[in-house]
Amino acid sequence: MSKKNSKRKSPKVISAKQLSINLAKRIDEKKGFEIIVFDLQGVSPITDYFVIANGLSDIHNRTIADDLIEYEKPEHIEGFEEGKWVLLDFIDVIVHIFSEETREFYGLERLWGDTPQVDYDSD
């Protein structure tokens, strides 16, 4: 575990990788789609994992975010009110929940697409 994990206030002690997998599974359970988990360890100075997903609408994005917030309290939240791009910062894991148009416009996959992906379905 990286030093960043020590900042998490949750009583749960799980690895950043497991947290990213758990969050991706919860997004899937809430009918989020096009879910990708990028392993950014050693590549990004800001986090170890990105979880990127789409929702069907701004309301759906907020519903997914609400579920993740209930599961694990993030350190920081951005974009919740508007809902087009909700960012949940769990320190070692950052979740991005997008509308399809917003995800396409910002293209995080173009920036991070050559980093390894984590298969959240097999765990």
N, C-alpha and C. Protein backbone atom coordinates (compact mmCIF):
# COMPACT_ATOMS: atom_id res chain seq x y z
N MET A 1 0.83 -1.19 0.00
CA MET A 1 0.00 0.00 0.00
C MET A 1 0.87 1.24 0.00
N SER A 2 0.45 2.23 -0.74
CA SER A 2 1.22 3.46 -0.80
C SER A 2 0.96 4.31 0.43
N LYS A 3 1.80 5.32 0.62
CA LYS A 3 1.63 6.24 1.73
C LYS A 3 0.28 6.93 1.66
N LYS A 4 -0.22 7.15 0.44
CA LYS A 4 -1.50 7.84 0.28
C LYS A 4 -2.63 7.11 0.98
N ASN A 5 -2.55 5.77 1.05
CA ASN A 5 -3.61 5.00 1.70
C ASN A 5 -3.77 5.37 3.16
N SER A 6 -2.71 5.81 3.80
CA SER A 6 -2.80 6.14 5.21
C SER A 6 -3.71 7.34 5.46
N LYS A 7 -4.01 8.11 4.42
CA LYS A 7 -4.88 9.28 4.57
C LYS A 7 -6.35 8.91 4.59
N ARG A 8 -6.70 7.70 4.10
CA ARG A 8 -8.09 7.30 4.08
C ARG A 8 -8.60 7.14 5.50
N LYS A 9 -9.80 7.66 5.77
CA LYS A 9 -10.35 7.64 7.11
C LYS A 9 -11.25 6.43 7.36
N SER A 10 -11.49 5.65 6.33
CA SER A 10 -12.39 4.52 6.45
C SER A 10 -11.80 3.45 7.36
N PRO A 11 -12.66 2.81 8.18
CA PRO A 11 -12.17 1.72 9.01
C PRO A 11 -11.84 0.48 8.18
N LYS A 12 -12.36 0.41 6.94
CA LYS A 12 -12.05 -0.71 6.07
C LYS A 12 -10.59 -0.59 5.64
N VAL A 13 -9.88 -1.68 5.67
CA VAL A 13 -8.51 -1.66 5.22
C VAL A 13 -8.42 -2.60 4.01
N ILE A 14 -8.51 -1.99 2.83
CA ILE A 14 -8.39 -2.75 1.60
C ILE A 14 -7.41 -2.01 0.70
N SER A 15 -6.86 -2.72 -0.23
CA SER A 15 -5.91 -2.11 -1.15
C SER A 15 -6.64 -1.16 -2.10
N ALA A 16 -5.88 -0.25 -2.68
CA ALA A 16 -6.45 0.66 -3.67
C ALA A 16 -7.00 -0.12 -4.86
N LYS A 17 -6.29 -1.18 -5.25
CA LYS A 17 -6.78 -1.99 -6.37
C LYS A 17 -8.13 -2.61 -6.03
N GLN A 18 -8.26 -3.17 -4.83
CA GLN A 18 -9.53 -3.79 -4.44
C GLN A 18 -10.63 -2.74 -4.34
N LEU A 19 -10.30 -1.56 -3.84
CA LEU A 19 -11.29 -0.49 -3.77
C LEU A 19 -11.77 -0.13 -5.18
N SER A 20 -10.84 -0.01 -6.13
CA SER A 20 -11.23 0.32 -7.50
C SER A 20 -12.15 -0.77 -8.08
N ILE A 21 -11.85 -2.02 -7.81
CA ILE A 21 -12.68 -3.13 -8.28
C ILE A 21 -14.06 -3.08 -7.64
N ASN A 22 -14.10 -2.86 -6.33
CA ASN A 22 -15.38 -2.79 -5.62
C ASN A 22 -16.25 -1.64 -6.15
N LEU A 23 -15.63 -0.49 -6.39
CA LEU A 23 -16.37 0.66 -6.90
C LEU A 23 -16.89 0.39 -8.31
N ALA A 24 -16.06 -0.23 -9.15
CA ALA A 24 -16.49 -0.56 -10.51
C ALA A 24 -17.67 -1.53 -10.48
N LYS A 25 -17.62 -2.52 -9.60
CA LYS A 25 -18.72 -3.47 -9.48
C LYS A 25 -20.00 -2.78 -9.04
N ARG A 26 -19.89 -1.84 -8.13
CA ARG A 26 -21.08 -1.11 -7.67
C ARG A 26 -21.66 -0.26 -8.79
N ILE A 27 -20.79 0.34 -9.58
CA ILE A 27 -21.27 1.11 -10.74
C ILE A 27 -22.03 0.19 -11.68
N ASP A 28 -21.47 -0.99 -11.93
CA ASP A 28 -22.12 -1.97 -12.80
C ASP A 28 -23.49 -2.38 -12.24
N GLU A 29 -23.56 -2.59 -10.93
CA GLU A 29 -24.83 -2.95 -10.29
C GLU A 29 -25.88 -1.86 -10.45
N LYS A 30 -25.44 -0.62 -10.54
CA LYS A 30 -26.37 0.51 -10.71
C LYS A 30 -26.60 0.83 -12.18
N LYS A 31 -26.21 -0.10 -13.04
CA LYS A 31 -26.45 0.01 -14.49
C LYS A 31 -25.60 1.08 -15.16
N GLY A 32 -24.46 1.43 -14.55
CA GLY A 32 -23.49 2.24 -15.26
C GLY A 32 -22.90 1.39 -16.37
N PHE A 33 -22.32 2.00 -17.38
CA PHE A 33 -21.81 1.21 -18.50
C PHE A 33 -20.50 1.80 -19.02
N GLU A 34 -19.87 1.03 -19.93
CA GLU A 34 -18.55 1.38 -20.46
C GLU A 34 -17.56 1.66 -19.32
N ILE A 35 -17.55 0.76 -18.36
CA ILE A 35 -16.71 0.90 -17.17
C ILE A 35 -15.29 0.43 -17.49
N ILE A 36 -14.34 1.28 -17.16
CA ILE A 36 -12.93 0.96 -17.34
C ILE A 36 -12.19 1.33 -16.05
N VAL A 37 -11.29 0.44 -15.62
CA VAL A 37 -10.44 0.73 -14.48
C VAL A 37 -9.00 0.76 -14.99
N PHE A 38 -8.36 1.92 -14.85
CA PHE A 38 -6.97 2.09 -15.26
C PHE A 38 -6.05 2.00 -14.05
N ASP A 39 -4.98 1.25 -14.18
CA ASP A 39 -3.95 1.15 -13.15
C ASP A 39 -2.89 2.21 -13.47
N LEU A 40 -2.86 3.26 -12.67
CA LEU A 40 -1.96 4.38 -12.91
C LEU A 40 -0.76 4.39 -11.95
N GLN A 41 -0.56 3.29 -11.23
CA GLN A 41 0.55 3.23 -10.28
C GLN A 41 1.86 3.47 -11.01
N GLY A 42 2.65 4.37 -10.49
CA GLY A 42 3.94 4.68 -11.07
C GLY A 42 3.86 5.56 -12.31
N VAL A 43 2.66 5.91 -12.75
CA VAL A 43 2.46 6.73 -13.93
C VAL A 43 1.93 8.11 -13.56
N SER A 44 1.00 8.13 -12.61
CA SER A 44 0.35 9.38 -12.20
C SER A 44 0.76 9.76 -10.78
N PRO A 45 1.11 11.01 -10.56
CA PRO A 45 1.43 11.43 -9.19
C PRO A 45 0.19 11.72 -8.35
N ILE A 46 -1.00 11.73 -8.98
CA ILE A 46 -2.19 12.12 -8.23
C ILE A 46 -3.01 10.96 -7.67
N THR A 47 -2.92 9.79 -8.29
CA THR A 47 -3.71 8.65 -7.83
C THR A 47 -3.13 7.36 -8.37
N ASP A 48 -3.60 6.24 -7.84
CA ASP A 48 -3.14 4.94 -8.32
C ASP A 48 -4.09 4.31 -9.33
N TYR A 49 -5.39 4.63 -9.23
CA TYR A 49 -6.39 4.04 -10.13
C TYR A 49 -7.43 5.07 -10.54
N PHE A 50 -7.85 4.99 -11.79
CA PHE A 50 -9.00 5.73 -12.30
C PHE A 50 -10.08 4.70 -12.59
N VAL A 51 -11.29 4.99 -12.16
CA VAL A 51 -12.45 4.23 -12.58
C VAL A 51 -13.28 5.20 -13.41
N ILE A 52 -13.56 4.83 -14.66
CA ILE A 52 -14.30 5.69 -15.57
C ILE A 52 -15.54 4.95 -16.02
N ALA A 53 -16.68 5.64 -16.00
CA ALA A 53 -17.94 5.00 -16.39
C ALA A 53 -18.91 6.03 -16.95
N ASN A 54 -19.91 5.54 -17.65
CA ASN A 54 -21.00 6.37 -18.15
C ASN A 54 -22.26 6.06 -17.39
N GLY A 55 -23.09 7.08 -17.26
CA GLY A 55 -24.46 6.91 -16.80
C GLY A 55 -25.38 7.31 -17.94
N LEU A 56 -26.65 7.01 -17.78
CA LEU A 56 -27.64 7.29 -18.83
C LEU A 56 -28.09 8.75 -18.86
N SER A 57 -27.96 9.43 -17.73
CA SER A 57 -28.42 10.81 -17.62
C SER A 57 -27.73 11.46 -16.43
N ASP A 58 -27.92 12.77 -16.27
CA ASP A 58 -27.35 13.46 -15.12
C ASP A 58 -27.90 12.88 -13.81
N ILE A 59 -29.18 12.58 -13.80
CA ILE A 59 -29.81 12.00 -12.60
C ILE A 59 -29.21 10.62 -12.32
N HIS A 60 -29.03 9.83 -13.36
CA HIS A 60 -28.44 8.50 -13.19
C HIS A 60 -27.01 8.62 -12.66
N ASN A 61 -26.24 9.58 -13.19
CA ASN A 61 -24.87 9.80 -12.70
C ASN A 61 -24.87 10.12 -11.21
N ARG A 62 -25.79 10.97 -10.79
CA ARG A 62 -25.87 11.32 -9.36
C ARG A 62 -26.30 10.12 -8.51
N THR A 63 -27.19 9.29 -9.05
CA THR A 63 -27.63 8.09 -8.34
C THR A 63 -26.46 7.12 -8.14
N ILE A 64 -25.67 6.93 -9.19
CA ILE A 64 -24.48 6.08 -9.08
C ILE A 64 -23.53 6.67 -8.04
N ALA A 65 -23.28 7.97 -8.13
CA ALA A 65 -22.38 8.64 -7.19
C ALA A 65 -22.87 8.49 -5.75
N ASP A 66 -24.18 8.67 -5.54
CA ASP A 66 -24.75 8.51 -4.19
C ASP A 66 -24.45 7.13 -3.63
N ASP A 67 -24.59 6.10 -4.46
CA ASP A 67 -24.32 4.74 -4.01
C ASP A 67 -22.86 4.57 -3.61
N LEU A 68 -21.96 5.12 -4.43
CA LEU A 68 -20.52 5.01 -4.12
C LEU A 68 -20.18 5.77 -2.84
N ILE A 69 -20.78 6.93 -2.66
CA ILE A 69 -20.54 7.75 -1.46
C ILE A 69 -21.03 7.01 -0.21
N GLU A 70 -22.16 6.32 -0.35
CA GLU A 70 -22.68 5.54 0.77
C GLU A 70 -21.75 4.38 1.11
N TYR A 71 -21.15 3.78 0.08
CA TYR A 71 -20.24 2.65 0.27
C TYR A 71 -18.93 3.09 0.93
N GLU A 72 -18.36 4.18 0.43
CA GLU A 72 -17.05 4.66 0.91
C GLU A 72 -17.01 6.17 0.76
N LYS A 73 -16.79 6.87 1.84
CA LYS A 73 -16.80 8.34 1.80
C LYS A 73 -15.57 8.87 1.07
N PRO A 74 -15.79 9.61 -0.02
CA PRO A 74 -14.64 10.20 -0.72
C PRO A 74 -14.08 11.40 0.03
N GLU A 75 -12.84 11.72 -0.25
CA GLU A 75 -12.21 12.91 0.33
C GLU A 75 -12.70 14.18 -0.34
N HIS A 76 -13.12 14.06 -1.61
CA HIS A 76 -13.53 15.24 -2.36
C HIS A 76 -14.54 14.82 -3.43
N ILE A 77 -15.50 15.70 -3.70
CA ILE A 77 -16.52 15.47 -4.72
C ILE A 77 -16.60 16.70 -5.61
N GLU A 78 -16.66 16.49 -6.91
CA GLU A 78 -16.83 17.58 -7.88
C GLU A 78 -17.95 17.22 -8.85
N GLY A 79 -18.70 18.22 -9.30
CA GLY A 79 -19.66 18.06 -10.37
C GLY A 79 -20.95 17.36 -10.02
N PHE A 80 -21.20 17.12 -8.74
CA PHE A 80 -22.39 16.37 -8.34
C PHE A 80 -23.67 17.09 -8.73
N GLU A 81 -23.74 18.38 -8.49
CA GLU A 81 -24.98 19.13 -8.75
C GLU A 81 -25.36 19.10 -10.22
N GLU A 82 -24.39 19.34 -11.10
CA GLU A 82 -24.68 19.35 -12.53
C GLU A 82 -24.89 17.93 -13.06
N GLY A 83 -24.03 17.01 -12.64
CA GLY A 83 -24.21 15.60 -12.97
C GLY A 83 -23.64 15.14 -14.30
N LYS A 84 -23.11 16.03 -15.11
CA LYS A 84 -22.57 15.62 -16.41
C LYS A 84 -21.22 14.91 -16.27
N TRP A 85 -20.47 15.29 -15.25
CA TRP A 85 -19.19 14.65 -14.93
C TRP A 85 -19.05 14.73 -13.41
N VAL A 86 -19.29 13.62 -12.75
CA VAL A 86 -19.15 13.56 -11.30
C VAL A 86 -17.80 12.91 -11.01
N LEU A 87 -16.99 13.60 -10.22
CA LEU A 87 -15.68 13.10 -9.83
C LEU A 87 -15.71 12.83 -8.34
N LEU A 88 -15.35 11.61 -7.96
CA LEU A 88 -15.24 11.22 -6.56
C LEU A 88 -13.79 10.86 -6.30
N ASP A 89 -13.16 11.57 -5.38
CA ASP A 89 -11.74 11.38 -5.09
C ASP A 89 -11.59 10.61 -3.78
N PHE A 90 -11.16 9.37 -3.90
CA PHE A 90 -10.93 8.51 -2.75
C PHE A 90 -9.42 8.43 -2.44
N ILE A 91 -8.67 9.41 -2.86
CA ILE A 91 -7.22 9.53 -2.73
C ILE A 91 -6.49 8.58 -3.67
N ASP A 92 -6.47 7.30 -3.38
CA ASP A 92 -5.76 6.33 -4.22
C ASP A 92 -6.58 5.89 -5.43
N VAL A 93 -7.86 6.21 -5.41
CA VAL A 93 -8.77 5.87 -6.51
C VAL A 93 -9.61 7.12 -6.81
N ILE A 94 -9.67 7.48 -8.07
CA ILE A 94 -10.54 8.58 -8.49
C ILE A 94 -11.56 8.01 -9.46
N VAL A 95 -12.83 8.25 -9.18
CA VAL A 95 -13.93 7.77 -10.01
C VAL A 95 -14.47 8.93 -10.82
N HIS A 96 -14.65 8.68 -12.12
CA HIS A 96 -15.24 9.65 -13.04
C HIS A 96 -16.52 9.02 -13.59
N ILE A 97 -17.66 9.67 -13.34
CA ILE A 97 -18.93 9.21 -13.89
C ILE A 97 -19.41 10.27 -14.86
N PHE A 98 -19.50 9.90 -16.13
CA PHE A 98 -19.76 10.85 -17.20
C PHE A 98 -21.10 10.63 -17.88
N SER A 99 -21.60 11.71 -18.49
CA SER A 99 -22.58 11.56 -19.56
C SER A 99 -21.76 11.13 -20.77
N GLU A 100 -22.40 10.50 -21.75
CA GLU A 100 -21.66 10.03 -22.92
C GLU A 100 -20.96 11.17 -23.65
N GLU A 101 -21.65 12.31 -23.82
CA GLU A 101 -21.08 13.43 -24.55
C GLU A 101 -19.87 14.02 -23.83
N THR A 102 -19.97 14.15 -22.53
CA THR A 102 -18.89 14.74 -21.74
C THR A 102 -17.67 13.81 -21.75
N ARG A 103 -17.91 12.53 -21.63
CA ARG A 103 -16.80 11.57 -21.66
C ARG A 103 -16.08 11.62 -23.00
N GLU A 104 -16.84 11.67 -24.06
CA GLU A 104 -16.23 11.74 -25.39
C GLU A 104 -15.43 13.04 -25.56
N PHE A 105 -15.98 14.14 -25.07
CA PHE A 105 -15.31 15.44 -25.22
C PHE A 105 -13.96 15.46 -24.49
N TYR A 106 -13.93 15.00 -23.24
CA TYR A 106 -12.69 15.07 -22.46
C TYR A 106 -11.72 13.93 -22.77
N GLY A 107 -12.20 12.81 -23.21
CA GLY A 107 -11.36 11.73 -23.71
C GLY A 107 -10.27 11.25 -22.77
N LEU A 108 -10.62 10.94 -21.54
CA LEU A 108 -9.60 10.45 -20.60
C LEU A 108 -8.93 9.18 -21.10
N GLU A 109 -9.65 8.38 -21.87
CA GLU A 109 -9.05 7.17 -22.43
C GLU A 109 -7.92 7.51 -23.39
N ARG A 110 -8.03 8.62 -24.08
CA ARG A 110 -6.94 9.03 -24.98
C ARG A 110 -5.69 9.38 -24.18
N LEU A 111 -5.87 9.95 -23.00
CA LEU A 111 -4.74 10.33 -22.16
C LEU A 111 -4.11 9.13 -21.45
N TRP A 112 -4.95 8.22 -20.98
CA TRP A 112 -4.47 7.13 -20.13
C TRP A 112 -4.62 5.76 -20.78
N GLY A 113 -5.03 5.72 -22.03
CA GLY A 113 -5.34 4.46 -22.70
C GLY A 113 -4.19 3.48 -22.83
N ASP A 114 -2.96 3.94 -22.70
CA ASP A 114 -1.83 3.01 -22.82
C ASP A 114 -1.40 2.45 -21.46
N THR A 115 -2.11 2.79 -20.40
CA THR A 115 -1.81 2.23 -19.08
C THR A 115 -2.58 0.92 -18.92
N PRO A 116 -2.12 0.05 -18.05
CA PRO A 116 -2.81 -1.24 -17.86
C PRO A 116 -4.23 -1.03 -17.33
N GLN A 117 -5.11 -1.94 -17.73
CA GLN A 117 -6.46 -1.94 -17.22
C GLN A 117 -6.65 -3.08 -16.23
N VAL A 118 -7.53 -2.87 -15.28
CA VAL A 118 -7.85 -3.88 -14.27
C VAL A 118 -9.17 -4.52 -14.67
N ASP A 119 -9.21 -5.85 -14.70
CA ASP A 119 -10.45 -6.56 -15.02
C ASP A 119 -11.25 -6.71 -13.73
N TYR A 120 -12.22 -5.86 -13.55
CA TYR A 120 -13.00 -5.87 -12.31
C TYR A 120 -14.02 -7.02 -12.29
N ASP A 121 -14.33 -7.61 -13.43
CA ASP A 121 -15.31 -8.70 -13.49
C ASP A 121 -14.76 -10.02 -12.97
N SER A 122 -13.46 -10.22 -13.08
CA SER A 122 -12.90 -11.54 -12.73
C SER A 122 -12.58 -11.69 -11.26
N ASP A 123 -12.64 -10.62 -10.50
CA ASP A 123 -12.27 -10.69 -9.10
C ASP A 123 -13.45 -10.98 -8.21
